[in-house]
Protein backbone atom coordinates (compact mmCIF):
# COMPACT_ATOMS: atom_id res chain seq x y z
CA UNK A 1 114.30 121.62 98.13
CA UNK A 2 117.83 120.35 98.66
CA UNK A 3 118.26 118.47 101.83
CA UNK A 4 121.08 118.16 104.27
CA UNK A 5 121.47 114.50 103.65
CA UNK A 6 122.05 114.96 99.85
CA UNK A 7 124.85 117.50 100.14
CA UNK A 8 128.60 117.04 100.59
CA UNK A 9 128.99 118.88 103.90
CA UNK A 10 132.40 117.45 105.07
CA UNK A 11 134.33 119.92 107.23
CA UNK A 12 132.02 122.86 106.55
CA UNK A 13 130.56 125.37 108.91
CA UNK A 14 126.70 124.99 109.17
CA UNK A 15 124.19 127.44 110.58
CA UNK A 16 121.10 125.33 111.62
CA UNK A 17 117.98 127.09 112.45
CA UNK A 18 116.29 124.73 114.88
CA UNK A 19 113.24 124.99 117.02
CA UNK A 20 114.30 124.65 120.70
CA UNK A 21 111.43 126.69 122.02
CA UNK A 22 111.11 124.38 124.99
CA UNK A 23 109.06 124.73 128.21
CA UNK A 24 111.14 125.95 131.07
CA UNK A 25 110.08 126.18 134.77
CA UNK A 26 112.30 127.67 137.40
CA UNK A 27 115.21 127.44 135.09
CA UNK A 28 114.76 123.75 134.26
CA UNK A 29 113.51 122.40 130.91
CA UNK A 30 110.34 120.30 131.55
CA UNK A 31 110.06 118.64 128.09
CA UNK A 32 113.05 117.81 125.95
CA UNK A 33 111.02 116.67 122.94
CA UNK A 34 111.90 119.61 120.57
CA UNK A 35 115.60 119.39 121.49
CA UNK A 36 115.61 115.58 120.76
CA UNK A 37 113.80 116.31 117.43
CA UNK A 38 116.85 118.35 116.19
CA UNK A 39 119.37 115.61 117.00
CA UNK A 40 119.40 113.82 113.55
CA UNK A 41 120.71 116.95 111.64
CA UNK A 42 123.15 117.77 114.36
CA UNK A 43 124.59 114.24 114.69
CA UNK A 44 124.76 113.97 110.84
CA UNK A 45 126.76 117.26 110.73
CA UNK A 46 129.07 116.06 113.43
CA UNK A 47 129.73 112.71 111.70
CA UNK A 48 130.90 114.86 108.71
CA UNK A 49 133.40 116.82 110.73
CA UNK A 50 131.31 119.97 110.55
CA UNK A 51 131.16 122.85 112.94
CA UNK A 52 127.71 123.97 113.88
CA UNK A 53 126.02 127.12 115.04
CA UNK A 54 122.40 126.54 116.16
CA UNK A 55 119.85 129.35 115.93
CA UNK A 56 116.58 129.28 117.78
CA UNK A 57 114.08 131.43 119.60
CA UNK A 58 112.59 130.92 123.04
CA UNK A 59 109.33 132.45 124.23
CA UNK A 60 108.35 135.97 123.54
CA UNK A 61 110.93 138.46 124.93
CA UNK A 62 110.73 142.13 124.10
CA UNK A 63 112.63 142.21 120.78
CA UNK A 64 116.07 143.82 120.96
CA UNK A 65 116.26 143.23 124.66
CA UNK A 66 118.26 140.33 126.37
CA UNK A 67 115.97 139.10 129.09
CA UNK A 68 117.42 136.40 131.34
CA UNK A 69 114.15 134.57 131.73
CA UNK A 70 114.28 133.85 127.95
CA UNK A 71 117.99 132.98 127.71
CA UNK A 72 118.84 129.72 125.87
CA UNK A 73 121.39 128.84 128.60
CA UNK A 74 119.32 126.06 129.87
CA UNK A 75 118.93 124.67 126.32
CA UNK A 76 122.84 124.85 125.93
CA UNK A 77 123.33 122.79 129.16
CA UNK A 78 120.77 120.26 128.23
CA UNK A 79 122.02 119.72 124.66
CA UNK A 80 125.59 119.49 126.12
CA UNK A 81 124.46 116.66 128.39
CA UNK A 82 122.56 114.81 125.55
CA UNK A 83 125.65 115.06 123.18
CA UNK A 84 128.17 114.47 125.87
CA UNK A 85 130.37 117.37 124.68
CA UNK A 86 130.40 121.02 125.40
CA UNK A 87 127.81 123.37 123.66
CA UNK A 88 129.02 127.00 123.69
CA UNK A 89 126.43 129.69 124.17
CA UNK A 90 127.31 132.78 121.95
CA UNK A 91 125.68 136.05 122.94
CA UNK A 92 125.83 137.80 119.55
CA UNK A 93 125.73 137.00 115.92
CA UNK A 94 128.62 139.53 115.47
CA UNK A 95 130.90 137.55 117.87
CA UNK A 96 134.32 136.49 116.70
CA UNK A 97 133.87 133.28 118.63
CA UNK A 98 131.50 131.87 115.92
CA UNK A 99 133.21 128.90 114.23
CA UNK A 100 136.37 130.10 115.85
CA UNK A 101 136.53 128.03 119.11
CA UNK A 102 137.35 124.51 120.30
CA UNK A 103 133.63 123.59 120.66
CA UNK A 104 132.14 121.81 117.68
CA UNK A 105 128.65 122.91 118.54
CA UNK A 106 127.63 126.47 119.37
CA UNK A 107 124.27 127.87 120.19
CA UNK A 108 123.47 131.49 119.39
CA UNK A 109 121.51 133.30 122.07
CA UNK A 110 117.70 133.70 121.59
CA UNK A 111 117.44 135.19 118.03
CA UNK A 112 114.54 137.33 119.27
CA UNK A 113 117.08 139.25 121.37
CA UNK A 114 118.15 140.89 118.12
CA UNK A 115 116.30 143.75 116.49
CA UNK A 116 114.72 142.80 113.31
CA UNK A 117 113.95 139.09 113.72
CA UNK A 118 110.21 139.39 114.02
CA UNK A 119 110.02 141.94 111.07
CA UNK A 120 112.02 139.78 108.70
CA UNK A 121 114.69 142.50 108.56
CA UNK A 122 117.07 142.06 105.55
CA UNK A 123 120.15 143.16 107.28
CA UNK A 124 119.67 140.71 110.19
CA UNK A 125 118.84 138.04 107.58
CA UNK A 126 121.92 138.66 105.69
CA UNK A 127 124.02 138.61 108.76
CA UNK A 128 122.60 135.28 109.88
CA UNK A 129 122.63 133.78 106.44
CA UNK A 130 126.36 134.72 105.88
CA UNK A 131 127.80 133.31 108.93
CA UNK A 132 128.45 129.81 107.64
CA UNK A 133 128.99 127.83 104.45
CA UNK A 134 125.41 126.50 104.43
CA UNK A 135 122.25 127.72 106.14
CA UNK A 136 120.16 124.70 107.18
CA UNK A 137 116.56 125.25 108.01
CA UNK A 138 115.24 122.56 110.24
CA UNK A 139 112.52 124.34 112.33
CA UNK A 140 109.16 123.15 110.93
CA UNK A 141 107.41 124.63 113.89
CA UNK A 142 108.47 128.11 112.79
CA UNK A 143 108.06 127.53 108.94
CA UNK A 144 104.81 129.59 108.82
CA UNK A 145 106.45 132.66 110.15
CA UNK A 146 108.27 135.03 107.69
CA UNK A 147 111.01 136.26 110.06
CA UNK A 148 114.67 137.07 109.63
CA UNK A 149 116.08 133.63 110.66
CA UNK A 150 113.19 131.65 108.88
CA UNK A 151 113.00 133.57 105.71
CA UNK A 152 115.49 136.35 104.89
CA UNK A 153 118.42 134.37 106.11
CA UNK A 154 117.56 131.42 103.81
CA UNK A 155 117.24 133.71 100.68
CA UNK A 156 120.55 135.66 101.44
CA UNK A 157 122.67 132.61 102.36
CA UNK A 158 125.44 131.31 99.98
CA UNK A 159 123.63 128.02 100.00
CA UNK A 160 120.66 126.74 101.94
CA UNK A 161 118.88 123.38 102.42
CA UNK A 162 116.35 121.63 104.56
CA UNK A 163 117.33 119.77 107.66
CA UNK A 164 116.64 116.17 108.24
CA UNK A 165 113.76 116.85 110.59
CA UNK A 166 112.10 119.29 108.14
CA UNK A 167 112.38 116.85 105.20
CA UNK A 168 110.76 114.05 107.37
CA UNK A 169 107.90 116.45 108.43
CA UNK A 170 107.18 117.40 104.78
CA UNK A 171 107.35 113.83 103.52
CA UNK A 172 105.13 112.51 106.27
CA UNK A 173 102.44 115.24 105.91
CA UNK A 174 102.55 114.94 102.11
CA UNK A 175 101.14 111.51 102.64
CA UNK A 176 97.96 113.06 103.80
CA UNK A 177 97.94 115.81 101.14
CA UNK A 178 99.14 114.13 97.93
CA UNK A 179 97.50 110.94 96.63
CA UNK A 180 96.37 109.87 100.12
CA UNK A 181 95.22 106.21 100.34
CA UNK A 182 91.55 105.39 101.07
CA UNK A 183 89.97 105.07 103.49
CA UNK A 184 91.42 108.27 104.93
CA UNK A 185 90.12 109.47 108.35
CA UNK A 186 90.70 112.79 109.95
CA UNK A 187 90.07 113.60 113.61
CA UNK A 188 89.85 117.48 114.31
CA UNK A 189 89.21 118.65 117.77
CA UNK A 190 89.54 121.95 119.49
CA UNK A 191 87.58 124.97 120.82
CA UNK A 192 86.57 126.77 117.64
CA UNK A 193 85.63 125.85 114.15
CA UNK A 194 86.87 129.26 112.87
CA UNK A 195 90.46 128.52 113.89
CA UNK A 196 90.49 125.26 111.88
CA UNK A 197 88.05 126.26 109.18
CA UNK A 198 90.52 126.07 106.36
CA UNK A 199 91.75 122.74 107.59
CA UNK A 200 88.33 121.29 107.87
CA UNK A 201 87.24 122.53 104.47
CA UNK A 202 90.36 121.05 102.88
CA UNK A 203 89.81 117.74 104.64
CA UNK A 204 86.06 117.61 103.68
CA UNK A 205 87.31 117.39 100.09
CA UNK A 206 90.20 114.91 100.70
CA UNK A 207 89.30 112.57 103.57
CA UNK A 208 86.59 109.89 103.53
CA UNK A 209 85.39 110.58 107.01
CA UNK A 210 86.06 113.40 109.67
CA UNK A 211 85.51 112.90 113.35
CA UNK A 212 85.10 116.27 115.14
CA UNK A 213 85.61 116.85 118.77
CA UNK A 214 85.44 119.45 121.58
CA UNK A 215 83.87 122.87 120.94
CA UNK A 216 84.11 122.16 117.23
CA UNK A 217 81.84 119.10 117.60
CA UNK A 218 79.36 121.23 119.62
CA UNK A 219 79.01 123.73 116.78
CA UNK A 220 78.29 120.92 114.37
CA UNK A 221 75.82 119.34 116.71
CA UNK A 222 73.91 122.62 117.16
CA UNK A 223 73.97 123.07 113.34
CA UNK A 224 72.41 119.61 113.14
CA UNK A 225 69.57 120.66 115.48
CA UNK A 226 70.67 119.12 118.69
CA UNK A 227 70.45 120.84 122.13
CA UNK A 228 73.86 121.68 123.44
CA UNK A 229 72.93 123.61 126.49
CA UNK A 230 75.65 125.97 127.81
CA UNK A 231 78.49 124.18 125.83
CA UNK A 232 81.12 126.12 124.13
CA UNK A 233 79.91 126.96 120.54
CA UNK A 234 80.44 129.36 117.69
CA UNK A 235 77.00 130.58 116.64
CA UNK A 236 78.65 132.65 113.79
CA UNK A 237 79.78 129.45 112.33
CA UNK A 238 76.57 127.50 112.22
CA UNK A 239 75.72 128.16 108.66
CA UNK A 240 79.11 127.14 107.59
CA UNK A 241 78.92 123.97 109.63
CA UNK A 242 75.58 123.08 108.12
CA UNK A 243 76.97 123.38 104.60
CA UNK A 244 79.89 121.12 105.51
CA UNK A 245 77.50 118.59 107.11
CA UNK A 246 75.68 118.22 103.76
CA UNK A 247 78.79 116.62 102.23
CA UNK A 248 78.14 113.63 104.50
CA UNK A 249 81.67 112.96 105.66
CA UNK A 250 81.54 114.38 109.20
CA UNK A 251 80.81 111.87 112.02
CA UNK A 252 79.01 113.35 115.15
CA UNK A 253 78.93 111.70 118.66
CA UNK A 254 75.68 109.98 119.94
CA UNK A 255 76.90 109.67 123.52
CA UNK A 256 78.44 112.56 125.41
CA UNK A 257 79.63 113.42 129.02
CA UNK A 258 77.91 116.54 130.39
CA UNK A 259 78.25 118.61 133.47
CA UNK A 260 76.89 121.86 134.85
CA UNK A 261 80.38 123.15 135.40
CA UNK A 262 83.95 122.87 134.03
CA UNK A 263 85.10 121.65 137.34
CA UNK A 264 82.73 118.71 137.12
CA UNK A 265 79.42 119.22 138.85
CA UNK A 266 76.57 116.79 138.19
CA UNK A 267 78.61 114.68 135.55
CA UNK A 268 76.46 112.45 133.55
CA UNK A 269 76.92 110.19 130.54
CA UNK A 270 73.92 110.47 128.25
CA UNK A 271 72.65 110.28 124.68
CA UNK A 272 72.93 113.48 122.69
CA UNK A 273 69.13 113.83 122.47
CA UNK A 274 68.87 114.08 126.18
CA UNK A 275 71.15 116.99 126.90
CA UNK A 276 69.42 119.83 128.66
CA UNK A 277 69.72 123.55 128.47
CA UNK A 278 71.53 123.74 131.82
CA UNK A 279 74.30 121.29 130.81
CA UNK A 280 77.50 121.56 128.79
CA UNK A 281 79.12 118.89 126.78
CA UNK A 282 82.67 118.33 128.02
CA UNK A 283 83.49 114.95 126.43
CA UNK A 284 82.31 112.48 123.83
CA UNK A 285 82.36 108.79 123.34
CA UNK A 286 83.37 107.12 120.13
CA UNK A 287 80.47 105.59 118.18
CA UNK A 288 80.75 102.07 116.71
CA UNK A 289 80.93 103.80 113.39
CA UNK A 290 83.92 105.92 114.46
CA UNK A 291 85.77 102.89 115.87
CA UNK A 292 85.11 100.95 112.69
CA UNK A 293 86.37 103.98 110.62
CA UNK A 294 89.58 104.10 112.70
CA UNK A 295 90.06 100.25 112.35
CA UNK A 296 89.57 100.31 108.56
CA UNK A 297 91.49 103.45 107.56
CA UNK A 298 94.77 103.29 105.82
CA UNK A 299 95.55 106.86 106.78
CA UNK A 300 94.64 108.71 110.02
CA UNK A 301 95.27 112.40 110.60
CA UNK A 302 94.78 113.55 114.26
CA UNK A 303 94.75 117.16 115.44
CA UNK A 304 93.01 117.98 118.68
CA UNK A 305 91.32 116.16 121.62
CA UNK A 306 87.66 115.08 121.94
CA UNK A 307 87.09 116.60 125.41
CA UNK A 308 88.67 118.40 128.30
CA UNK A 309 91.00 115.47 128.87
CA UNK A 310 93.18 117.17 131.35
CA UNK A 311 90.31 116.60 133.87
CA UNK A 312 89.94 112.88 134.32
CA UNK A 313 86.25 113.21 134.47
CA UNK A 314 86.23 114.21 130.79
CA UNK A 315 89.19 112.18 129.57
CA UNK A 316 87.47 108.96 128.34
CA UNK A 317 86.81 110.00 124.84
CA UNK A 318 90.28 111.20 124.12
CA UNK A 319 91.87 108.18 125.91
CA UNK A 320 89.62 105.81 123.85
CA UNK A 321 90.53 107.59 120.68
CA UNK A 322 94.29 107.42 121.48
CA UNK A 323 94.08 103.57 122.24
CA UNK A 324 91.95 102.84 119.09
CA UNK A 325 94.52 104.66 116.92
CA UNK A 326 97.34 102.67 118.71
CA UNK A 327 95.57 99.47 117.74
CA UNK A 328 94.95 100.65 114.11
CA UNK A 329 97.16 99.21 111.24
CA UNK A 330 96.82 102.48 109.28
CA UNK A 331 99.50 105.08 108.99
CA UNK A 332 98.84 107.66 111.71
CA UNK A 333 99.84 111.29 111.71
CA UNK A 334 99.43 113.61 114.76
CA UNK A 335 100.12 117.28 115.16
CA UNK A 336 99.47 120.13 117.67
CA UNK A 337 100.49 120.61 121.29
CA UNK A 338 97.23 119.29 122.96
CA UNK A 339 97.29 116.23 120.68
CA UNK A 340 100.88 115.36 121.56
CA UNK A 341 100.04 115.84 125.19
CA UNK A 342 97.18 113.59 124.95
CA UNK A 343 99.46 110.93 123.23
CA UNK A 344 101.96 111.25 125.94
CA UNK A 345 99.26 110.87 128.61
CA UNK A 346 97.36 107.79 127.23
CA UNK A 347 99.67 106.00 124.88
CA UNK A 348 103.26 106.29 123.64
CA UNK A 349 104.60 108.54 120.76
CA UNK A 350 105.86 105.26 119.18
CA UNK A 351 102.33 104.06 119.02
CA UNK A 352 101.60 106.79 116.29
CA UNK A 353 103.34 106.53 113.00
CA UNK A 354 104.46 110.11 112.96
CA UNK A 355 104.20 113.00 115.51
CA UNK A 356 104.62 116.39 113.83
CA UNK A 357 106.63 119.08 115.78
CA UNK A 358 104.54 121.86 114.33
CA UNK A 359 101.46 123.55 115.73
CA UNK A 360 100.52 126.56 113.53
CA UNK A 361 102.79 125.34 110.75
CA UNK A 362 101.16 121.91 110.89
CA UNK A 363 97.59 123.57 110.58
CA UNK A 364 98.66 125.82 107.70
CA UNK A 365 100.48 123.14 105.79
CA UNK A 366 97.46 120.80 106.01
CA UNK A 367 95.15 123.61 104.92
CA UNK A 368 97.23 123.63 101.67
CA UNK A 369 98.95 126.93 102.34
CA UNK A 370 102.58 127.42 101.28
CA UNK A 371 104.83 128.07 104.32
CA UNK A 372 107.25 130.94 103.87
CA UNK A 373 110.38 129.04 104.89
CA UNK A 374 109.66 126.16 102.59
CA UNK A 375 108.83 128.52 99.76
CA UNK A 376 112.17 130.29 100.40
CA UNK A 377 114.14 127.01 100.30
CA UNK A 378 112.57 126.24 96.96
CA UNK A 379 113.09 129.68 95.60
CA UNK A 380 116.70 129.86 96.66
CA UNK A 381 117.35 126.66 94.82
CA UNK A 382 115.58 127.81 91.78
CA UNK A 383 117.49 131.07 91.73
CA UNK A 384 120.84 129.19 92.03
CA UNK A 385 119.99 126.86 89.17
CA UNK A 386 118.94 129.94 86.90
CA UNK A 387 122.33 131.51 87.57
């Protein structure tokens, strides 16, 4: 892929596909993380006297219908405050205001308001890809979606490249995919083995050890013959879990926090051998072996909490995990919404070497899948070189 930082972009018009799908409550943005993540590309473009049209989606509106609840107006206002200059909201990709106003930065209204976005419609892709001199893709969180603004627009543009954020994402994640240093530790939590099966299988070949947490750990515990009571479990995945356990890399908890309800009735800390049929496991403690693995590892990949950390009764395991990663000298990579929430709760983002902005894209990339947007960026460059 070509990257934005490599190109001569002086005085050019850039269309930048960003991911500003931020949480909004009562018209106010509650977390600016995704907007702030886009700033390196925006500022680099402005430093080179470019005009910018930002393209993003927000939420899940009915396609083709402009719904006020999903308007990017709050994003335009927030970005204007951050940049300390006006950011003009443009209501249509056919508007003659695009690159034809006093504002250096414009924001196209929610791209999902336009018919054809979700279906990767060629006509919409060509319209978006042809708006500027260069189409910059900088939305890693949407790179796994084959849609008009994330795929067709890249292929139909005069010239395309990756943004600074996207390149940083790929470079960081490739540290865990290509020639990863050893010892390499992966921490995979979450509700279901099935949702992360590809990831766990891939890591079972690459990582030296894997710590599992949440419902995923329960399935592996049951596959190992332990009583897990009424805990969340996937019985359909027990045979798969048993086969993966035979590789010998998966580390299981020995001390857990149980309760007879999700609200926290009869909370007890006990050894895994002592769990009864009436209890559910809602948190787990790090074993000495897990702590030692975190301390020794040169690379740590973290996706998913160890327990229901949103409830303070079941937060100890995830808090301890976060703090142990903070103290580690290894290169740490974290991804996924719950993981970033846990980091913000117990430590600081700066305590982790790299926090990915992707959720589904993060998982698919780490499974070894080729993401449509990244594939399109590479193919577009190859096609240009052939010509």
